[in-house]
Protein backbone atom coordinates (compact mmCIF):
# COMPACT_ATOMS: atom_id res chain seq x y z
CA MET A 1 100.11 115.14 82.60
CA SER A 2 101.57 112.85 85.22
CA LEU A 3 99.89 111.90 88.45
CA PRO A 4 101.62 111.28 91.74
CA ALA A 5 101.69 107.54 92.37
CA ALA A 6 99.93 107.91 95.72
CA SER A 7 96.89 109.68 94.24
CA ALA A 8 96.55 107.12 91.44
CA ARG A 9 96.21 104.21 93.87
CA PRO A 10 92.69 103.41 95.06
CA ARG A 11 91.95 103.95 98.75
CA LYS A 12 89.41 101.83 100.54
CA ARG A 13 86.82 103.59 102.69
CA SER A 14 83.86 102.25 104.61
CA LEU A 15 80.31 103.36 103.93
CA THR A 16 76.92 102.39 105.28
CA LEU A 17 74.32 101.44 102.66
CA GLN A 18 70.86 100.27 103.67
CA GLY A 19 72.08 99.73 107.22
CA HIS A 20 75.03 97.56 106.16
CA ARG A 21 78.71 98.46 106.21
CA THR A 22 80.54 98.08 102.92
CA SER A 23 83.87 99.27 101.61
CA VAL A 24 84.63 100.97 98.33
CA SER A 25 88.02 101.55 96.73
CA LEU A 26 88.40 104.77 94.74
CA GLU A 27 91.29 107.03 93.82
CA ASP A 28 91.68 110.22 95.89
CA ALA A 29 90.43 112.42 93.04
CA PHE A 30 87.15 110.47 92.96
CA TRP A 31 86.73 110.61 96.75
CA GLU A 32 87.30 114.37 96.67
CA GLU A 33 84.81 114.91 93.84
CA LEU A 34 82.26 112.64 95.49
CA GLN A 35 82.53 114.72 98.68
CA SER A 36 82.13 117.96 96.67
CA LEU A 37 79.07 116.64 94.85
CA ALA A 38 77.49 115.49 98.12
CA GLU A 39 78.14 118.88 99.74
CA ALA A 40 76.70 120.72 96.73
CA ARG A 41 73.51 118.65 97.02
CA GLY A 42 73.35 119.05 100.78
CA VAL A 43 73.58 115.33 101.49
CA SER A 44 76.12 113.05 103.08
CA VAL A 45 78.50 110.93 101.03
CA ASN A 46 76.65 107.86 102.34
CA ALA A 47 73.33 109.26 101.09
CA LEU A 48 74.73 110.10 97.65
CA VAL A 49 76.35 106.69 97.31
CA ALA A 50 73.06 105.08 98.38
CA GLU A 51 71.35 106.90 95.48
CA ILE A 52 74.06 105.77 93.06
CA ASP A 53 73.79 102.22 94.41
CA ALA A 54 70.01 102.17 93.95
CA ALA A 55 70.31 103.40 90.35
CA ARG A 56 73.11 101.09 89.19
CA GLY A 57 72.52 97.96 87.23
CA VAL A 58 73.16 94.62 88.81
CA SER A 59 76.13 94.01 86.52
CA ALA A 60 77.94 97.22 87.49
CA GLY A 61 80.21 97.22 90.51
CA LEU A 62 79.64 100.00 93.04
CA ALA A 63 83.06 101.63 92.54
CA SER A 64 82.53 101.65 88.78
CA ALA A 65 79.04 103.10 89.19
CA ILE A 66 80.44 105.90 91.38
CA ARG A 67 83.18 106.72 88.85
CA VAL A 68 80.66 106.84 85.98
CA TYR A 69 78.30 109.02 88.05
CA ILE A 70 81.13 111.47 88.76
CA LEU A 71 82.16 111.53 85.09
CA LEU A 72 78.59 112.21 83.96
CA GLU A 73 78.20 114.99 86.53
CA ALA A 74 81.48 116.58 85.39
CA LYS A 75 80.39 116.41 81.75
CA ALA A 76 77.00 117.92 82.56
CA ALA A 77 78.64 120.75 84.51
CA SER A 78 80.97 121.59 81.63
CA ARG A 79 78.10 122.20 79.20
C-alpha cells in the first residue's frame, strides 16, 4: 500500500484548549478520523482534543496522544 506524499505529510491546524490557542500537526488521515470521532460523539474537535489533552500523561506530546487515541478507538471499533 502506498500513500500519496501529500497525505503522509503532517498539516498544522490551530485549536483552542483551555482558552489558549495551540497548533497541532497531524497527517490528513488523522485529522479526518478525529473529525469523524468528534461528530459521532456530538462534540467539536476542540472539545474532543481537550478531553485527550486532559487524559494524556505529561511525557506524551499532544499530537502523539491524539494518534494513540485514534488508534485505540479504531481497535475498539473493530472488535
